[in-house]
Amino acid sequence: MRFKKVYIEITNKCNLNCSFCIGNERKKKFMTRDEFLIILNKLKGYTKYLYFHLMGEPLLHPDINEFINIASEDYYINITTNGYLIKRIENNKNIRQLNISLQDFDSKISSLDNYMDNIFKSVNILRSNGVIINYRIWGKNELKNKIKDILIKEYGSLDNHTLSKNVFFSEEEEFIWPSMSNSYYNDMGSCQGLVTHIGILVDGSIVPCCLDSAGVITLGNIFNDEIEHILNNDRVKTMIDGFKHNKKREKLCCKCNFYDRIIKNGK
């Protein structure tokens, strides 16, 4: 196996417009079943862990449960969701891990208490089937303390970030989304992109990591190209060699502080 995980964007549509999210201007699309099957077949031998996550809300996909079930025959399935549609998958026993981003909620849809209560009800079913649950909060959030209080009320404690069996909580500082238009720049540094993981956008574009939301560093297309050919091209080799020597070779990478932040904090 070459990668610890591969991110697959089964849709780039989302039901929220969160303040922390960079969003995407790409044409909105749901990946078709045939396209998904091509990806599953081409990824065999490259990883055992699939993450339905880049941009978009995966639970919006009309065939989400079918995708999970098909993929689980050969892979371990991990999903990142904002939690609003969690009921759609609550009875699916083929999910390894569900990451629930408690970043933002829409008060026009429900109150925070109702939002969390609906999540808890589905989580109780999912974890009874062995699904690992990870609640996550990134960066600054005016409701962070209230959300944490609700979690404590439900689980008793946030100590050691373990809330219950198979239920966890993680809190991380905000990072700068890589974008050619942001002001951050650092050409020194490393990354795990292309080393431990790659991403596949909804149109089949292969990108080096899950933060290339616009497909700036498109290395090829999984529907048209063989993965081994893509991974052995000069651009990929140059990027990996640069990371090994603490040097960012792509302009978009210089605009990203995700891994810089981790190294700075000694994580």
Protein backbone atom coordinates (compact mmCIF):
# COMPACT_ATOMS: atom_id res chain seq x y z
CA MET A 1 0.00 0.00 0.00
CA ARG A 2 1.37 3.41 -0.93
CA PHE A 3 -0.97 5.74 0.97
CA LYS A 4 -2.43 5.72 4.47
CA LYS A 5 -5.57 7.23 3.01
CA VAL A 6 -7.13 8.69 -0.11
CA TYR A 7 -9.68 11.50 -0.03
CA ILE A 8 -12.59 11.19 -2.46
CA GLU A 9 -14.91 14.12 -3.08
CA ILE A 10 -18.16 12.36 -3.99
CA THR A 11 -19.82 15.77 -4.28
CA ASN A 12 -18.68 19.38 -4.01
CA LYS A 13 -22.16 20.59 -3.09
CA CYS A 14 -22.85 21.69 0.47
CA ASN A 15 -25.94 22.51 2.50
CA LEU A 16 -24.17 25.19 4.56
CA ASN A 17 -22.07 28.28 3.95
CA CYS A 18 -19.70 28.18 6.91
CA SER A 19 -17.58 31.19 7.74
CA PHE A 20 -14.40 29.13 8.19
CA CYS A 21 -14.70 27.34 4.84
CA ILE A 22 -12.94 28.63 1.75
CA GLY A 23 -15.72 27.28 -0.46
CA ASN A 24 -15.27 26.41 -4.12
CA GLU A 25 -16.25 27.93 -7.44
CA ARG A 26 -16.08 24.68 -9.37
CA LYS A 27 -19.14 23.36 -11.19
CA LYS A 28 -21.33 21.59 -8.66
CA LYS A 29 -21.66 17.88 -9.27
CA PHE A 30 -22.54 14.52 -7.75
CA MET A 31 -20.16 11.72 -8.67
CA THR A 32 -21.98 9.00 -10.59
CA ARG A 33 -22.03 5.36 -9.56
CA ASP A 34 -20.01 4.38 -12.65
CA GLU A 35 -17.40 7.04 -11.92
CA PHE A 36 -17.18 5.88 -8.32
CA LEU A 37 -16.67 2.27 -9.38
CA ILE A 38 -13.82 3.31 -11.70
CA ILE A 39 -12.11 5.06 -8.79
CA LEU A 40 -12.53 2.10 -6.45
CA ASN A 41 -11.04 -0.23 -9.03
CA LYS A 42 -8.07 2.03 -9.80
CA LEU A 43 -7.25 2.58 -6.13
CA LYS A 44 -6.88 -1.11 -5.35
CA GLY A 45 -3.40 -1.74 -4.03
CA TYR A 46 -2.78 1.94 -3.24
CA THR A 47 -4.68 2.26 0.05
CA LYS A 48 -7.18 0.58 2.35
CA TYR A 49 -8.65 3.76 3.83
CA LEU A 50 -11.02 6.05 1.94
CA TYR A 51 -12.19 9.41 3.24
CA PHE A 52 -15.32 10.88 1.67
CA HIS A 53 -14.15 14.43 2.14
CA LEU A 54 -12.57 17.37 0.36
CA MET A 55 -15.17 20.05 -0.30
CA GLY A 56 -18.92 19.59 -0.08
CA GLU A 57 -21.17 17.60 2.25
CA PRO A 58 -20.96 13.88 1.39
CA LEU A 59 -24.29 13.03 3.04
CA LEU A 60 -26.02 15.17 0.40
CA HIS A 61 -25.20 12.53 -2.19
CA PRO A 62 -28.41 10.64 -3.07
CA ASP A 63 -26.47 7.35 -3.22
CA ILE A 64 -24.39 7.85 -0.08
CA ASN A 65 -25.35 4.53 1.53
CA GLU A 66 -24.82 2.59 -1.68
CA PHE A 67 -21.39 4.21 -2.09
CA ILE A 68 -20.47 3.30 1.48
CA ASN A 69 -21.62 -0.29 1.09
CA ILE A 70 -19.90 -0.87 -2.24
CA ALA A 71 -16.62 0.69 -1.13
CA SER A 72 -16.61 -1.17 2.20
CA GLU A 73 -16.12 -4.46 0.36
CA ASP A 74 -12.46 -3.50 -0.21
CA TYR A 75 -11.82 -0.40 1.91
CA TYR A 76 -12.37 1.10 5.35
CA ILE A 77 -14.76 4.04 4.99
CA ASN A 78 -14.32 7.34 6.83
CA ILE A 79 -16.67 10.28 6.42
CA THR A 80 -16.54 13.94 7.42
CA THR A 81 -19.90 15.69 7.79
CA ASN A 82 -21.47 18.78 9.32
CA GLY A 83 -24.02 16.50 10.94
CA TYR A 84 -27.26 17.92 9.57
CA LEU A 85 -28.03 14.83 7.48
CA ILE A 86 -26.58 12.25 9.84
CA LYS A 87 -29.88 10.40 10.11
CA ARG A 88 -29.44 9.28 6.49
CA ILE A 89 -26.58 6.98 7.48
CA GLU A 90 -27.39 6.16 11.10
CA ASN A 91 -28.22 2.53 10.31
CA ASN A 92 -25.23 1.91 8.07
CA LYS A 93 -22.87 -0.63 9.64
CA ASN A 94 -20.14 -0.27 7.02
CA ILE A 95 -18.62 3.00 8.25
CA ARG A 96 -15.32 2.84 10.09
CA GLN A 97 -15.21 6.44 11.36
CA LEU A 98 -17.48 9.46 11.24
CA ASN A 99 -15.94 12.89 11.79
CA ILE A 100 -18.55 15.48 12.76
CA SER A 101 -17.44 19.09 12.26
CA LEU A 102 -19.23 21.26 14.79
CA GLN A 103 -17.90 24.39 13.14
CA ASP A 104 -20.99 26.24 12.26
CA PHE A 105 -24.68 25.67 12.28
CA ASP A 106 -27.54 27.47 10.60
CA SER A 107 -29.99 28.94 13.10
CA LYS A 108 -32.51 29.16 10.26
CA ILE A 109 -32.58 25.35 10.15
CA SER A 110 -32.66 24.57 13.85
CA SER A 111 -31.53 25.71 17.27
CA LEU A 112 -28.13 24.61 18.50
CA ASP A 113 -29.73 22.36 21.12
CA ASN A 114 -31.90 20.61 18.51
CA TYR A 115 -28.96 20.31 16.13
CA MET A 116 -26.83 18.62 18.78
CA ASP A 117 -29.69 16.46 20.07
CA ASN A 118 -30.39 15.07 16.59
CA ILE A 119 -26.68 14.28 16.20
CA PHE A 120 -26.56 12.51 19.57
CA LYS A 121 -29.54 10.31 18.66
CA SER A 122 -27.89 9.10 15.45
CA VAL A 123 -24.46 8.80 17.07
CA ASN A 124 -25.89 6.43 19.69
CA ILE A 125 -27.09 4.14 16.91
CA LEU A 126 -23.86 4.40 14.93
CA ARG A 127 -21.55 3.70 17.83
CA SER A 128 -23.65 0.71 18.86
CA ASN A 129 -22.63 -0.69 15.47
CA GLY A 130 -18.95 -0.08 16.19
CA VAL A 131 -18.55 3.20 14.27
CA ILE A 132 -15.84 5.51 15.67
CA ILE A 133 -17.19 9.01 16.28
CA ASN A 134 -14.96 12.09 16.32
CA TYR A 135 -16.47 15.48 17.12
CA ARG A 136 -14.26 18.29 15.82
CA ILE A 137 -13.98 22.05 16.26
CA TRP A 138 -11.48 24.12 14.29
CA GLY A 139 -10.33 27.61 15.14
CA LYS A 140 -12.35 30.43 16.61
CA ASN A 141 -16.02 29.77 17.18
CA GLU A 142 -18.26 32.04 19.22
CA LEU A 143 -20.36 29.01 20.21
CA LYS A 144 -17.38 26.80 21.07
CA ASN A 145 -17.87 26.95 24.83
CA LYS A 146 -21.60 26.30 24.55
CA ILE A 147 -20.97 23.33 22.27
CA LYS A 148 -18.42 21.96 24.71
CA ASP A 149 -20.93 22.39 27.55
CA ILE A 150 -23.51 20.42 25.56
CA LEU A 151 -20.96 17.66 24.93
CA ILE A 152 -20.08 17.56 28.63
CA LYS A 153 -23.76 17.34 29.54
CA GLU A 154 -24.18 14.41 27.15
CA TYR A 155 -20.98 12.52 27.96
CA GLY A 156 -19.93 13.80 31.38
CA SER A 157 -16.43 15.03 30.56
CA LEU A 158 -14.05 16.13 27.81
CA ASP A 159 -10.99 14.90 29.70
CA ASN A 160 -8.30 13.36 27.47
CA HIS A 161 -10.60 14.02 24.49
CA THR A 162 -12.26 10.62 25.02
CA LEU A 163 -15.96 11.07 25.67
CA SER A 164 -17.05 7.45 25.70
CA LYS A 165 -16.21 4.15 24.04
CA ASN A 166 -15.49 4.93 20.37
CA VAL A 167 -16.44 8.59 20.88
CA PHE A 168 -13.80 11.33 20.80
CA PHE A 169 -13.46 15.10 20.70
CA SER A 170 -10.70 17.14 19.05
CA GLU A 171 -10.12 20.87 19.14
CA GLU A 172 -7.56 22.48 16.83
CA GLU A 173 -6.47 26.01 16.07
CA GLU A 174 -7.52 27.55 12.79
CA PHE A 175 -5.29 27.21 9.74
CA ILE A 176 -4.91 29.33 6.62
CA TRP A 177 -6.57 27.74 3.62
CA PRO A 178 -4.09 27.51 0.75
CA SER A 179 -5.09 29.98 -1.93
CA MET A 180 -3.16 31.87 -4.58
CA SER A 181 -4.85 35.06 -3.34
CA ASN A 182 -4.00 34.89 0.36
CA SER A 183 -1.13 36.88 1.89
CA TYR A 184 0.65 33.98 3.61
CA TYR A 185 3.90 32.83 2.02
CA ASN A 186 6.58 30.40 3.17
CA ASP A 187 8.64 28.43 0.66
CA MET A 188 10.31 26.42 3.41
CA GLY A 189 8.50 23.48 4.95
CA SER A 190 7.24 19.98 4.39
CA CYS A 191 3.91 18.24 3.90
CA GLN A 192 2.35 14.78 3.98
CA GLY A 193 0.60 15.36 0.66
CA LEU A 194 1.70 12.76 -1.93
CA VAL A 195 3.48 10.98 0.92
CA THR A 196 0.67 9.64 3.11
CA HIS A 197 -2.32 10.70 1.02
CA ILE A 198 -3.76 12.17 -2.17
CA GLY A 199 -7.14 13.64 -3.04
CA ILE A 200 -9.56 13.01 -5.89
CA LEU A 201 -11.98 15.80 -6.77
CA VAL A 202 -15.52 15.12 -7.96
CA ASP A 203 -14.50 15.52 -11.63
CA GLY A 204 -11.69 12.96 -11.21
CA SER A 205 -8.85 15.46 -10.85
CA ILE A 206 -6.03 14.11 -8.69
CA VAL A 207 -4.60 16.64 -6.23
CA PRO A 208 -1.77 16.19 -3.72
CA CYS A 209 -3.83 16.89 -0.60
CA CYS A 210 -7.31 17.50 0.80
CA LEU A 211 -6.77 21.29 1.04
CA ASP A 212 -6.40 21.95 -2.69
CA SER A 213 -10.06 22.98 -2.87
CA ALA A 214 -9.80 24.54 -6.33
CA GLY A 215 -7.67 21.87 -7.97
CA VAL A 216 -4.77 24.29 -8.49
CA ILE A 217 -2.23 21.45 -8.44
CA THR A 218 -4.04 19.02 -10.72
CA LEU A 219 -1.67 16.15 -11.45
CA GLY A 220 -3.92 14.19 -13.75
CA ASN A 221 -7.40 12.69 -13.93
CA ILE A 222 -8.19 9.27 -12.55
CA PHE A 223 -10.77 8.63 -15.26
CA ASN A 224 -8.23 9.11 -18.03
CA ASP A 225 -4.85 8.35 -16.47
CA GLU A 226 -3.25 5.48 -14.59
CA ILE A 227 -2.33 6.36 -11.01
CA GLU A 228 1.16 4.89 -11.24
CA HIS A 229 1.88 7.02 -14.30
CA ILE A 230 0.70 10.16 -12.47
CA LEU A 231 2.71 9.41 -9.34
CA ASN A 232 5.88 8.91 -11.35
CA ASN A 233 5.76 12.13 -13.34
CA ASP A 234 8.44 14.78 -12.83
CA ARG A 235 6.12 17.26 -11.10
CA VAL A 236 5.19 14.75 -8.39
CA LYS A 237 8.80 13.64 -7.91
CA THR A 238 9.91 17.27 -7.59
CA MET A 239 7.27 17.99 -4.95
CA ILE A 240 8.12 14.91 -2.87
CA ASP A 241 11.85 15.59 -3.10
CA GLY A 242 11.21 19.16 -1.98
CA PHE A 243 9.21 18.02 1.05
CA LYS A 244 12.02 15.66 2.02
CA HIS A 245 14.40 18.63 2.02
CA ASN A 246 12.01 21.05 3.77
CA LYS A 247 11.32 22.95 0.57
CA LYS A 248 7.95 23.72 -1.03
CA ARG A 249 8.17 23.51 -4.81
CA GLU A 250 4.63 24.61 -5.71
CA LYS A 251 3.32 28.16 -5.30
CA LEU A 252 0.08 26.93 -3.71
CA CYS A 253 2.06 25.01 -1.09
CA CYS A 254 3.89 28.21 -0.19
CA LYS A 255 0.47 29.74 0.46
CA CYS A 256 -0.48 27.01 2.97
CA ASN A 257 0.38 27.00 6.67
CA PHE A 258 -1.33 23.75 7.68
CA TYR A 259 1.79 21.68 8.16
CA ASP A 260 3.87 24.72 9.16
CA ARG A 261 1.45 25.22 12.06
CA ILE A 262 1.76 21.60 13.16
CA ILE A 263 5.55 21.73 13.16
CA LYS A 264 5.57 25.08 15.00
CA ASN A 265 3.39 23.66 17.76
CA GLY A 266 5.45 20.51 17.99
CA LYS A 267 2.60 18.16 17.06
